[in-house]
N, C-alpha and C. Protein backbone atom coordinates (compact mmCIF):
# COMPACT_ATOMS: atom_id res chain seq x y z
N MET A 1 -38.96 130.28 -64.52
CA MET A 1 -38.97 131.15 -63.35
C MET A 1 -37.59 131.09 -62.71
N LYS A 2 -37.03 132.21 -62.40
CA LYS A 2 -35.72 132.30 -61.76
C LYS A 2 -35.85 131.98 -60.27
N ARG A 3 -34.83 131.35 -59.72
CA ARG A 3 -34.78 131.08 -58.28
C ARG A 3 -33.56 131.77 -57.72
N ILE A 4 -33.71 132.41 -56.57
CA ILE A 4 -32.57 133.03 -55.89
C ILE A 4 -32.29 132.21 -54.65
N THR A 5 -31.05 131.83 -54.46
CA THR A 5 -30.65 131.06 -53.29
C THR A 5 -30.70 131.96 -52.06
N ALA A 6 -31.30 131.45 -50.99
CA ALA A 6 -31.41 132.22 -49.75
C ALA A 6 -30.05 132.27 -49.07
N ALA A 7 -29.61 133.47 -48.71
CA ALA A 7 -28.37 133.66 -47.95
C ALA A 7 -28.75 133.96 -46.51
N ALA A 8 -28.31 133.15 -45.59
CA ALA A 8 -28.69 133.33 -44.19
C ALA A 8 -27.93 134.50 -43.58
N VAL A 9 -28.67 135.40 -42.95
CA VAL A 9 -28.10 136.54 -42.26
C VAL A 9 -28.74 136.60 -40.88
N ILE A 10 -27.97 136.42 -39.84
CA ILE A 10 -28.54 136.43 -38.51
C ILE A 10 -28.73 137.86 -38.06
N LEU A 11 -29.99 138.21 -37.74
CA LEU A 11 -30.31 139.57 -37.33
C LEU A 11 -30.14 139.76 -35.83
N GLY A 12 -30.32 138.72 -35.05
CA GLY A 12 -30.11 138.85 -33.61
C GLY A 12 -31.29 138.36 -32.79
N LEU A 13 -31.09 138.32 -31.50
CA LEU A 13 -32.10 137.89 -30.55
C LEU A 13 -32.42 139.03 -29.61
N SER A 14 -33.67 139.08 -29.20
CA SER A 14 -34.06 140.02 -28.15
C SER A 14 -35.02 139.28 -27.24
N ALA A 15 -35.21 139.78 -26.06
CA ALA A 15 -36.13 139.14 -25.12
C ALA A 15 -37.56 139.18 -25.65
N ALA A 16 -37.91 140.21 -26.39
CA ALA A 16 -39.28 140.36 -26.88
C ALA A 16 -39.58 139.51 -28.10
N SER A 17 -38.57 139.25 -28.94
CA SER A 17 -38.84 138.50 -30.16
C SER A 17 -37.62 137.75 -30.62
N LEU A 18 -37.87 136.76 -31.46
CA LEU A 18 -36.80 135.95 -32.02
C LEU A 18 -36.80 136.20 -33.52
N TRP A 19 -35.67 136.65 -34.03
CA TRP A 19 -35.54 136.89 -35.46
C TRP A 19 -34.73 135.76 -36.04
N LEU A 20 -35.24 135.14 -37.08
CA LEU A 20 -34.53 134.07 -37.75
C LEU A 20 -33.83 134.62 -38.98
N PRO A 21 -32.94 133.84 -39.58
CA PRO A 21 -32.16 134.31 -40.72
C PRO A 21 -33.04 134.82 -41.84
N THR A 22 -32.53 135.81 -42.55
CA THR A 22 -33.23 136.34 -43.71
C THR A 22 -32.32 136.29 -44.90
N ARG A 23 -32.90 136.39 -46.08
CA ARG A 23 -32.09 136.49 -47.28
C ARG A 23 -32.19 137.90 -47.81
N PRO A 24 -31.27 138.32 -48.65
CA PRO A 24 -31.31 139.68 -49.16
C PRO A 24 -32.59 139.93 -49.95
N ALA A 25 -32.98 141.18 -50.07
CA ALA A 25 -34.15 141.54 -50.86
C ALA A 25 -33.97 141.03 -52.28
N LEU A 26 -35.07 140.57 -52.88
CA LEU A 26 -35.00 140.04 -54.23
C LEU A 26 -34.83 141.15 -55.25
N ALA A 27 -34.17 140.84 -56.33
CA ALA A 27 -33.97 141.82 -57.40
C ALA A 27 -35.32 142.22 -57.97
N GLY A 28 -35.42 143.44 -58.46
CA GLY A 28 -36.67 143.96 -58.98
C GLY A 28 -37.24 143.15 -60.13
N ASP A 29 -36.40 142.39 -60.84
CA ASP A 29 -36.91 141.60 -61.96
C ASP A 29 -37.25 140.17 -61.55
N GLN A 30 -37.14 139.86 -60.27
CA GLN A 30 -37.49 138.52 -59.80
C GLN A 30 -38.97 138.28 -60.02
N GLU A 31 -39.30 137.10 -60.55
CA GLU A 31 -40.70 136.78 -60.84
C GLU A 31 -41.17 135.66 -59.94
N HIS A 32 -42.45 135.71 -59.58
CA HIS A 32 -43.04 134.70 -58.71
C HIS A 32 -44.30 134.17 -59.35
N GLN A 33 -44.44 132.85 -59.36
CA GLN A 33 -45.60 132.20 -59.96
C GLN A 33 -46.81 132.36 -59.05
N THR A 34 -47.96 132.64 -59.62
CA THR A 34 -49.20 132.71 -58.86
C THR A 34 -50.10 131.56 -59.26
N LYS A 35 -51.21 131.39 -58.55
CA LYS A 35 -52.12 130.28 -58.79
C LYS A 35 -52.57 130.21 -60.24
N LYS A 36 -52.86 131.32 -60.84
CA LYS A 36 -53.38 131.34 -62.19
C LYS A 36 -52.27 131.29 -63.25
N GLY A 37 -51.01 131.13 -62.83
CA GLY A 37 -49.92 130.99 -63.76
C GLY A 37 -49.28 132.31 -64.18
N THR A 38 -49.78 133.41 -63.69
CA THR A 38 -49.16 134.69 -64.01
C THR A 38 -47.97 134.89 -63.08
N GLU A 39 -47.08 135.79 -63.45
CA GLU A 39 -45.91 136.03 -62.62
C GLU A 39 -45.95 137.44 -62.07
N MET A 40 -45.41 137.60 -60.85
CA MET A 40 -45.36 138.90 -60.20
C MET A 40 -43.92 139.30 -59.97
N SER A 41 -43.63 140.56 -60.18
CA SER A 41 -42.29 141.07 -59.91
C SER A 41 -42.15 141.33 -58.42
N ASP A 42 -40.92 141.58 -58.00
CA ASP A 42 -40.67 141.91 -56.61
C ASP A 42 -41.45 143.17 -56.21
N GLU A 43 -41.50 144.14 -57.10
CA GLU A 43 -42.24 145.38 -56.83
C GLU A 43 -43.74 145.09 -56.62
N GLU A 44 -44.30 144.22 -57.46
CA GLU A 44 -45.72 143.85 -57.30
C GLU A 44 -45.95 143.11 -55.99
N LEU A 45 -45.01 142.25 -55.62
CA LEU A 45 -45.12 141.54 -54.35
C LEU A 45 -45.12 142.52 -53.18
N ARG A 46 -44.24 143.49 -53.20
CA ARG A 46 -44.16 144.47 -52.12
C ARG A 46 -45.45 145.29 -52.02
N GLU A 47 -46.09 145.55 -53.16
CA GLU A 47 -47.36 146.29 -53.14
C GLU A 47 -48.51 145.43 -52.64
N ARG A 48 -48.50 144.15 -52.97
CA ARG A 48 -49.60 143.26 -52.66
C ARG A 48 -49.55 142.70 -51.23
N LEU A 49 -48.35 142.44 -50.74
CA LEU A 49 -48.19 141.83 -49.42
C LEU A 49 -47.98 142.89 -48.35
N THR A 50 -48.35 142.57 -47.13
CA THR A 50 -48.01 143.44 -46.01
C THR A 50 -46.50 143.33 -45.79
N PRO A 51 -45.90 144.29 -45.08
CA PRO A 51 -44.46 144.16 -44.80
C PRO A 51 -44.12 142.84 -44.09
N GLU A 52 -44.97 142.39 -43.17
CA GLU A 52 -44.69 141.13 -42.47
C GLU A 52 -44.81 139.94 -43.42
N GLN A 53 -45.82 139.92 -44.27
CA GLN A 53 -45.95 138.83 -45.24
C GLN A 53 -44.74 138.78 -46.16
N TYR A 54 -44.29 139.93 -46.61
CA TYR A 54 -43.12 139.98 -47.47
C TYR A 54 -41.88 139.47 -46.72
N HIS A 55 -41.70 139.95 -45.50
CA HIS A 55 -40.54 139.55 -44.69
C HIS A 55 -40.51 138.03 -44.50
N VAL A 56 -41.65 137.45 -44.16
CA VAL A 56 -41.71 136.01 -43.90
C VAL A 56 -41.50 135.22 -45.19
N THR A 57 -42.27 135.52 -46.23
CA THR A 57 -42.24 134.69 -47.44
C THR A 57 -41.02 134.91 -48.32
N GLN A 58 -40.51 136.14 -48.38
CA GLN A 58 -39.43 136.46 -49.30
C GLN A 58 -38.06 136.57 -48.63
N GLU A 59 -38.04 136.83 -47.32
CA GLU A 59 -36.78 137.01 -46.61
C GLU A 59 -36.57 135.97 -45.50
N ASN A 60 -37.32 134.88 -45.56
CA ASN A 60 -37.20 133.78 -44.59
C ASN A 60 -37.43 134.22 -43.15
N GLY A 61 -38.30 135.18 -42.95
CA GLY A 61 -38.56 135.70 -41.62
C GLY A 61 -39.46 134.79 -40.80
N THR A 62 -39.63 135.15 -39.55
CA THR A 62 -40.52 134.45 -38.64
C THR A 62 -41.31 135.48 -37.85
N GLU A 63 -42.62 135.27 -37.78
CA GLU A 63 -43.47 136.16 -36.99
C GLU A 63 -43.44 135.75 -35.53
N ARG A 64 -43.97 136.58 -34.67
CA ARG A 64 -43.99 136.28 -33.24
C ARG A 64 -44.97 135.16 -32.91
N ALA A 65 -44.55 134.32 -32.01
CA ALA A 65 -45.42 133.25 -31.53
C ALA A 65 -46.58 133.84 -30.74
N PHE A 66 -47.72 133.22 -30.85
CA PHE A 66 -48.95 133.58 -30.13
C PHE A 66 -49.46 134.98 -30.49
N GLN A 67 -48.83 135.64 -31.44
CA GLN A 67 -49.27 136.98 -31.86
C GLN A 67 -49.41 137.01 -33.38
N ASN A 68 -49.99 135.97 -33.91
CA ASN A 68 -50.19 135.88 -35.35
C ASN A 68 -51.62 135.42 -35.63
N GLU A 69 -52.04 135.61 -36.82
CA GLU A 69 -53.46 135.48 -37.18
C GLU A 69 -54.06 134.08 -37.00
N TYR A 70 -53.33 133.03 -37.29
CA TYR A 70 -53.97 131.71 -37.35
C TYR A 70 -53.54 130.71 -36.27
N TRP A 71 -52.68 131.09 -35.35
CA TRP A 71 -52.21 130.10 -34.37
C TRP A 71 -53.37 129.51 -33.58
N ASN A 72 -54.43 130.27 -33.39
CA ASN A 72 -55.56 129.81 -32.58
C ASN A 72 -56.85 129.74 -33.40
N ASN A 73 -56.73 129.61 -34.71
CA ASN A 73 -57.89 129.51 -35.59
C ASN A 73 -58.44 128.09 -35.54
N HIS A 74 -59.72 127.96 -35.25
CA HIS A 74 -60.34 126.64 -35.15
C HIS A 74 -61.44 126.43 -36.19
N ARG A 75 -61.53 127.32 -37.16
CA ARG A 75 -62.56 127.20 -38.20
C ARG A 75 -62.17 126.14 -39.22
N ALA A 76 -63.16 125.56 -39.86
CA ALA A 76 -62.93 124.57 -40.91
C ALA A 76 -62.59 125.28 -42.21
N GLY A 77 -61.57 124.79 -42.90
CA GLY A 77 -61.17 125.37 -44.17
C GLY A 77 -59.76 124.96 -44.55
N ILE A 78 -59.23 125.67 -45.53
CA ILE A 78 -57.88 125.36 -46.00
C ILE A 78 -56.99 126.60 -45.87
N TYR A 79 -55.70 126.35 -45.88
CA TYR A 79 -54.69 127.40 -45.83
C TYR A 79 -53.92 127.34 -47.14
N VAL A 80 -53.85 128.47 -47.83
CA VAL A 80 -53.15 128.54 -49.11
C VAL A 80 -51.96 129.50 -48.99
N ASP A 81 -51.02 129.36 -49.92
CA ASP A 81 -49.87 130.27 -49.98
C ASP A 81 -50.38 131.68 -50.25
N VAL A 82 -49.98 132.63 -49.44
CA VAL A 82 -50.42 134.01 -49.58
C VAL A 82 -49.93 134.63 -50.89
N VAL A 83 -48.87 134.10 -51.48
CA VAL A 83 -48.34 134.61 -52.73
C VAL A 83 -49.00 133.94 -53.93
N SER A 84 -48.98 132.62 -53.98
CA SER A 84 -49.42 131.89 -55.17
C SER A 84 -50.86 131.37 -55.10
N GLY A 85 -51.40 131.20 -53.92
CA GLY A 85 -52.73 130.63 -53.78
C GLY A 85 -52.76 129.12 -53.82
N GLU A 86 -51.59 128.49 -53.92
CA GLU A 86 -51.59 127.02 -53.97
C GLU A 86 -52.01 126.45 -52.62
N PRO A 87 -52.89 125.44 -52.62
CA PRO A 87 -53.37 124.82 -51.37
C PRO A 87 -52.22 124.15 -50.63
N LEU A 88 -52.10 124.45 -49.34
CA LEU A 88 -50.98 123.92 -48.56
C LEU A 88 -51.42 123.01 -47.42
N PHE A 89 -52.37 123.48 -46.58
CA PHE A 89 -52.76 122.73 -45.39
C PHE A 89 -54.27 122.80 -45.19
N SER A 90 -54.79 121.84 -44.43
CA SER A 90 -56.21 121.79 -44.12
C SER A 90 -56.42 121.90 -42.62
N SER A 91 -57.52 122.50 -42.24
CA SER A 91 -57.87 122.56 -40.81
C SER A 91 -58.06 121.16 -40.23
N LEU A 92 -58.34 120.18 -41.08
CA LEU A 92 -58.51 118.80 -40.62
C LEU A 92 -57.20 118.22 -40.09
N ASP A 93 -56.08 118.79 -40.50
CA ASP A 93 -54.76 118.32 -40.07
C ASP A 93 -54.07 119.28 -39.11
N LYS A 94 -54.80 120.30 -38.66
CA LYS A 94 -54.25 121.30 -37.74
C LYS A 94 -54.39 120.77 -36.31
N PHE A 95 -53.41 121.05 -35.48
CA PHE A 95 -53.48 120.63 -34.08
C PHE A 95 -52.82 121.66 -33.19
N GLU A 96 -53.13 121.59 -31.92
CA GLU A 96 -52.57 122.51 -30.92
C GLU A 96 -51.21 121.97 -30.49
N SER A 97 -50.15 122.63 -30.94
CA SER A 97 -48.80 122.18 -30.61
C SER A 97 -48.22 122.89 -29.40
N GLY A 98 -48.84 124.02 -29.03
CA GLY A 98 -48.30 124.81 -27.93
C GLY A 98 -47.15 125.71 -28.36
N SER A 99 -46.84 125.73 -29.66
CA SER A 99 -45.71 126.51 -30.17
C SER A 99 -46.05 127.98 -30.39
N GLY A 100 -47.34 128.29 -30.58
CA GLY A 100 -47.74 129.66 -30.86
C GLY A 100 -47.84 129.97 -32.34
N TRP A 101 -47.63 128.96 -33.18
CA TRP A 101 -47.79 129.09 -34.63
C TRP A 101 -48.75 128.00 -35.10
N PRO A 102 -49.42 128.20 -36.23
CA PRO A 102 -50.26 127.13 -36.75
C PRO A 102 -49.40 125.89 -37.01
N SER A 103 -49.88 124.74 -36.56
CA SER A 103 -49.15 123.50 -36.73
C SER A 103 -50.05 122.45 -37.37
N PHE A 104 -49.49 121.69 -38.29
CA PHE A 104 -50.23 120.71 -39.07
C PHE A 104 -49.47 119.39 -39.08
N THR A 105 -50.21 118.27 -39.16
CA THR A 105 -49.57 116.96 -39.18
C THR A 105 -49.08 116.58 -40.57
N GLN A 106 -49.66 117.21 -41.60
CA GLN A 106 -49.27 116.90 -42.97
C GLN A 106 -49.75 117.99 -43.91
N PRO A 107 -49.13 118.08 -45.09
CA PRO A 107 -49.61 119.04 -46.09
C PRO A 107 -50.90 118.53 -46.73
N LEU A 108 -51.66 119.43 -47.25
CA LEU A 108 -52.89 119.07 -47.96
C LEU A 108 -52.53 118.37 -49.27
N GLU A 109 -51.58 118.93 -50.00
CA GLU A 109 -51.09 118.35 -51.25
C GLU A 109 -49.56 118.37 -51.20
N THR A 110 -48.96 117.19 -51.05
CA THR A 110 -47.51 117.11 -50.85
C THR A 110 -46.71 117.74 -51.98
N GLU A 111 -47.25 117.72 -53.19
CA GLU A 111 -46.52 118.31 -54.32
C GLU A 111 -46.43 119.84 -54.22
N ASN A 112 -47.19 120.45 -53.33
CA ASN A 112 -47.15 121.91 -53.15
C ASN A 112 -46.16 122.35 -52.07
N ILE A 113 -45.47 121.39 -51.47
CA ILE A 113 -44.49 121.67 -50.40
C ILE A 113 -43.12 121.17 -50.83
N VAL A 114 -42.11 122.00 -50.62
CA VAL A 114 -40.72 121.62 -50.88
C VAL A 114 -39.97 121.70 -49.56
N GLU A 115 -39.20 120.69 -49.26
CA GLU A 115 -38.39 120.67 -48.04
C GLU A 115 -36.94 120.95 -48.39
N LYS A 116 -36.29 121.78 -47.57
CA LYS A 116 -34.88 122.12 -47.78
C LYS A 116 -34.15 122.08 -46.44
N LYS A 117 -32.89 121.70 -46.47
CA LYS A 117 -32.07 121.73 -45.26
C LYS A 117 -31.80 123.17 -44.87
N ASP A 118 -31.98 123.47 -43.60
CA ASP A 118 -31.72 124.80 -43.05
C ASP A 118 -30.64 124.63 -41.99
N ARG A 119 -29.45 125.13 -42.26
CA ARG A 119 -28.31 124.97 -41.35
C ARG A 119 -28.04 126.23 -40.54
N SER A 120 -29.03 127.09 -40.42
CA SER A 120 -28.86 128.32 -39.65
C SER A 120 -28.99 128.03 -38.15
N TRP A 121 -28.60 128.97 -37.36
CA TRP A 121 -28.72 128.90 -35.90
C TRP A 121 -27.97 127.71 -35.31
N PHE A 122 -26.87 127.33 -35.95
CA PHE A 122 -25.98 126.29 -35.41
C PHE A 122 -26.68 124.95 -35.22
N THR A 123 -27.65 124.67 -36.07
CA THR A 123 -28.37 123.41 -36.03
C THR A 123 -28.83 123.08 -37.44
N VAL A 124 -29.35 121.88 -37.62
CA VAL A 124 -29.91 121.49 -38.91
C VAL A 124 -31.40 121.27 -38.72
N ARG A 125 -32.18 122.03 -39.48
CA ARG A 125 -33.64 121.88 -39.46
C ARG A 125 -34.10 121.66 -40.89
N THR A 126 -35.37 121.31 -41.03
CA THR A 126 -35.95 121.16 -42.36
C THR A 126 -36.92 122.29 -42.60
N GLU A 127 -36.56 123.17 -43.52
CA GLU A 127 -37.41 124.29 -43.89
C GLU A 127 -38.46 123.80 -44.87
N VAL A 128 -39.67 124.36 -44.81
CA VAL A 128 -40.70 124.07 -45.80
C VAL A 128 -41.02 125.34 -46.57
N ARG A 129 -41.13 125.17 -47.89
CA ARG A 129 -41.41 126.27 -48.81
C ARG A 129 -42.53 125.83 -49.74
N SER A 130 -43.23 126.80 -50.31
CA SER A 130 -44.26 126.45 -51.29
C SER A 130 -43.56 126.13 -52.61
N ALA A 131 -44.12 125.17 -53.35
CA ALA A 131 -43.49 124.71 -54.58
C ALA A 131 -43.56 125.75 -55.70
N ASN A 132 -44.70 126.37 -55.89
CA ASN A 132 -44.86 127.32 -57.00
C ASN A 132 -44.15 128.64 -56.76
N ALA A 133 -44.43 129.30 -55.67
CA ALA A 133 -43.91 130.65 -55.42
C ALA A 133 -42.59 130.65 -54.66
N ASP A 134 -42.16 129.52 -54.15
CA ASP A 134 -40.94 129.41 -53.35
C ASP A 134 -41.03 130.29 -52.10
N SER A 135 -42.25 130.43 -51.57
CA SER A 135 -42.44 131.20 -50.34
C SER A 135 -41.91 130.42 -49.15
N HIS A 136 -41.19 131.10 -48.27
CA HIS A 136 -40.79 130.48 -47.00
C HIS A 136 -42.05 130.34 -46.15
N LEU A 137 -42.33 129.12 -45.67
CA LEU A 137 -43.51 128.87 -44.85
C LEU A 137 -43.16 128.69 -43.38
N GLY A 138 -42.13 127.92 -43.10
CA GLY A 138 -41.74 127.59 -41.74
C GLY A 138 -40.82 126.39 -41.75
N HIS A 139 -41.03 125.47 -40.80
CA HIS A 139 -40.19 124.28 -40.67
C HIS A 139 -41.05 123.07 -40.32
N VAL A 140 -40.52 121.89 -40.60
CA VAL A 140 -41.18 120.65 -40.20
C VAL A 140 -40.27 119.95 -39.19
N PHE A 141 -40.89 119.45 -38.12
CA PHE A 141 -40.17 118.79 -37.03
C PHE A 141 -40.75 117.40 -36.83
N ASP A 142 -39.99 116.53 -36.18
CA ASP A 142 -40.45 115.16 -35.96
C ASP A 142 -40.99 114.94 -34.54
N ASP A 143 -41.59 115.99 -33.98
CA ASP A 143 -42.15 115.89 -32.62
C ASP A 143 -43.68 116.07 -32.61
N GLY A 144 -44.30 115.73 -33.72
CA GLY A 144 -45.76 115.88 -33.82
C GLY A 144 -46.51 114.63 -33.36
N PRO A 145 -47.82 114.68 -33.43
CA PRO A 145 -48.65 113.56 -32.98
C PRO A 145 -48.69 112.42 -34.00
N ALA A 146 -49.28 111.30 -33.60
CA ALA A 146 -49.50 110.16 -34.49
C ALA A 146 -50.46 110.61 -35.60
N PRO A 147 -50.49 110.04 -36.72
CA PRO A 147 -49.82 108.79 -37.05
C PRO A 147 -48.40 108.96 -37.58
N ASN A 148 -48.02 110.13 -38.09
CA ASN A 148 -46.71 110.25 -38.71
C ASN A 148 -45.66 110.96 -37.85
N GLY A 149 -46.07 111.54 -36.74
CA GLY A 149 -45.13 112.19 -35.84
C GLY A 149 -44.54 113.50 -36.34
N LEU A 150 -45.16 114.09 -37.37
CA LEU A 150 -44.64 115.33 -37.93
C LEU A 150 -45.40 116.54 -37.43
N ARG A 151 -44.68 117.65 -37.33
CA ARG A 151 -45.28 118.95 -36.98
C ARG A 151 -44.79 119.99 -37.97
N TYR A 152 -45.67 120.36 -38.88
CA TYR A 152 -45.38 121.46 -39.81
C TYR A 152 -45.72 122.74 -39.08
N CYS A 153 -44.71 123.46 -38.65
CA CYS A 153 -44.85 124.71 -37.89
C CYS A 153 -44.74 125.85 -38.89
N VAL A 154 -45.86 126.55 -39.13
CA VAL A 154 -45.96 127.47 -40.26
C VAL A 154 -46.30 128.88 -39.78
N ASN A 155 -45.72 129.86 -40.43
CA ASN A 155 -46.02 131.26 -40.15
C ASN A 155 -47.39 131.63 -40.72
N SER A 156 -48.24 132.24 -39.92
CA SER A 156 -49.53 132.72 -40.41
C SER A 156 -49.35 133.70 -41.56
N ALA A 157 -48.31 134.52 -41.51
CA ALA A 157 -48.09 135.54 -42.53
C ALA A 157 -47.83 134.93 -43.91
N ALA A 158 -47.48 133.65 -43.98
CA ALA A 158 -47.25 132.98 -45.25
C ALA A 158 -48.55 132.38 -45.81
N LEU A 159 -49.60 132.46 -45.02
CA LEU A 159 -50.85 131.77 -45.36
C LEU A 159 -52.02 132.73 -45.56
N ARG A 160 -53.00 132.24 -46.30
CA ARG A 160 -54.32 132.88 -46.37
C ARG A 160 -55.31 131.77 -46.07
N PHE A 161 -56.19 132.00 -45.12
CA PHE A 161 -57.19 131.01 -44.74
C PHE A 161 -58.44 131.20 -45.57
N ILE A 162 -58.96 130.09 -46.07
CA ILE A 162 -60.22 130.11 -46.82
C ILE A 162 -61.20 129.20 -46.09
N PRO A 163 -62.25 129.79 -45.49
CA PRO A 163 -63.24 128.98 -44.77
C PRO A 163 -63.94 128.02 -45.72
N VAL A 164 -64.37 126.89 -45.20
CA VAL A 164 -65.00 125.85 -46.02
C VAL A 164 -66.19 126.41 -46.81
N GLU A 165 -66.94 127.34 -46.22
CA GLU A 165 -68.11 127.89 -46.92
C GLU A 165 -67.72 128.78 -48.10
N ASP A 166 -66.46 129.17 -48.22
CA ASP A 166 -66.00 130.02 -49.32
C ASP A 166 -65.17 129.27 -50.35
N LEU A 167 -64.95 127.97 -50.16
CA LEU A 167 -64.08 127.21 -51.05
C LEU A 167 -64.53 127.26 -52.50
N GLU A 168 -65.81 127.03 -52.74
CA GLU A 168 -66.34 127.04 -54.12
C GLU A 168 -66.13 128.40 -54.76
N GLU A 169 -66.54 129.44 -54.08
CA GLU A 169 -66.44 130.81 -54.59
C GLU A 169 -65.00 131.22 -54.87
N GLU A 170 -64.07 130.72 -54.06
CA GLU A 170 -62.65 131.09 -54.20
C GLU A 170 -61.90 130.21 -55.21
N GLY A 171 -62.60 129.23 -55.81
CA GLY A 171 -61.97 128.38 -56.82
C GLY A 171 -61.35 127.11 -56.30
N TYR A 172 -61.71 126.70 -55.09
CA TYR A 172 -61.17 125.48 -54.49
C TYR A 172 -62.29 124.47 -54.21
N GLY A 173 -63.34 124.51 -55.03
CA GLY A 173 -64.51 123.64 -54.84
C GLY A 173 -64.18 122.16 -54.81
N GLU A 174 -63.13 121.74 -55.53
CA GLU A 174 -62.76 120.33 -55.56
C GLU A 174 -62.33 119.83 -54.18
N LEU A 175 -62.02 120.73 -53.25
CA LEU A 175 -61.58 120.33 -51.91
C LEU A 175 -62.74 120.23 -50.91
N LEU A 176 -63.94 120.58 -51.34
CA LEU A 176 -65.11 120.49 -50.46
C LEU A 176 -65.35 119.07 -49.98
N GLU A 177 -65.06 118.09 -50.82
CA GLU A 177 -65.31 116.70 -50.43
C GLU A 177 -64.51 116.27 -49.21
N LEU A 178 -63.39 116.90 -48.96
CA LEU A 178 -62.61 116.60 -47.75
C LEU A 178 -63.44 116.85 -46.48
N PHE A 179 -64.23 117.90 -46.52
CA PHE A 179 -65.00 118.29 -45.35
C PHE A 179 -66.36 117.59 -45.30
N ASP A 180 -66.83 117.05 -46.42
CA ASP A 180 -68.08 116.29 -46.45
C ASP A 180 -67.93 114.93 -45.80
N GLU A 181 -66.71 114.38 -45.85
CA GLU A 181 -66.45 113.03 -45.29
C GLU A 181 -66.70 112.99 -43.80
N GLY A 182 -66.52 114.10 -43.11
CA GLY A 182 -66.69 114.13 -41.66
C GLY A 182 -68.15 114.25 -41.22
N LYS A 183 -69.06 114.45 -42.16
CA LYS A 183 -70.48 114.63 -41.82
C LYS A 183 -71.22 113.32 -41.73
């Protein structure tokens, strides 16, 4: 699978929204790994994803705080990469950070998360991306709660939520035991 290095381009700030750096549109022959091991072209991604999902996952975009699908989701389940379907986070690790984006103390499966240095905006942050599809997810900060003090601040547009009652049907039945432990 080919990887394209993200080139940071500052789009600007406005009072209504904050735009973070983006990378150029991917070449039409760019391929992306999906959960089942098939690959999708850039054209297929554009057809399958909403414009916001594409902007966030493929162009390193950021959605608006408090105006996204999962920032206030309190249902039990898992969050998977909207592109590849790889399991990323669990509702068991979700917490209210006050940031306006879904925040998690840890990934569900660490091998599905890749951390990269982000030197945009005149600072150094740690970007988090999905391992299979290389989707931009958000950033991880060291201002989270105990026990590890981490806050994975993730864009809802990069995620698909699967409620616990749908895990088996959606092919994630092996993760049901995580939610049985709390009963």
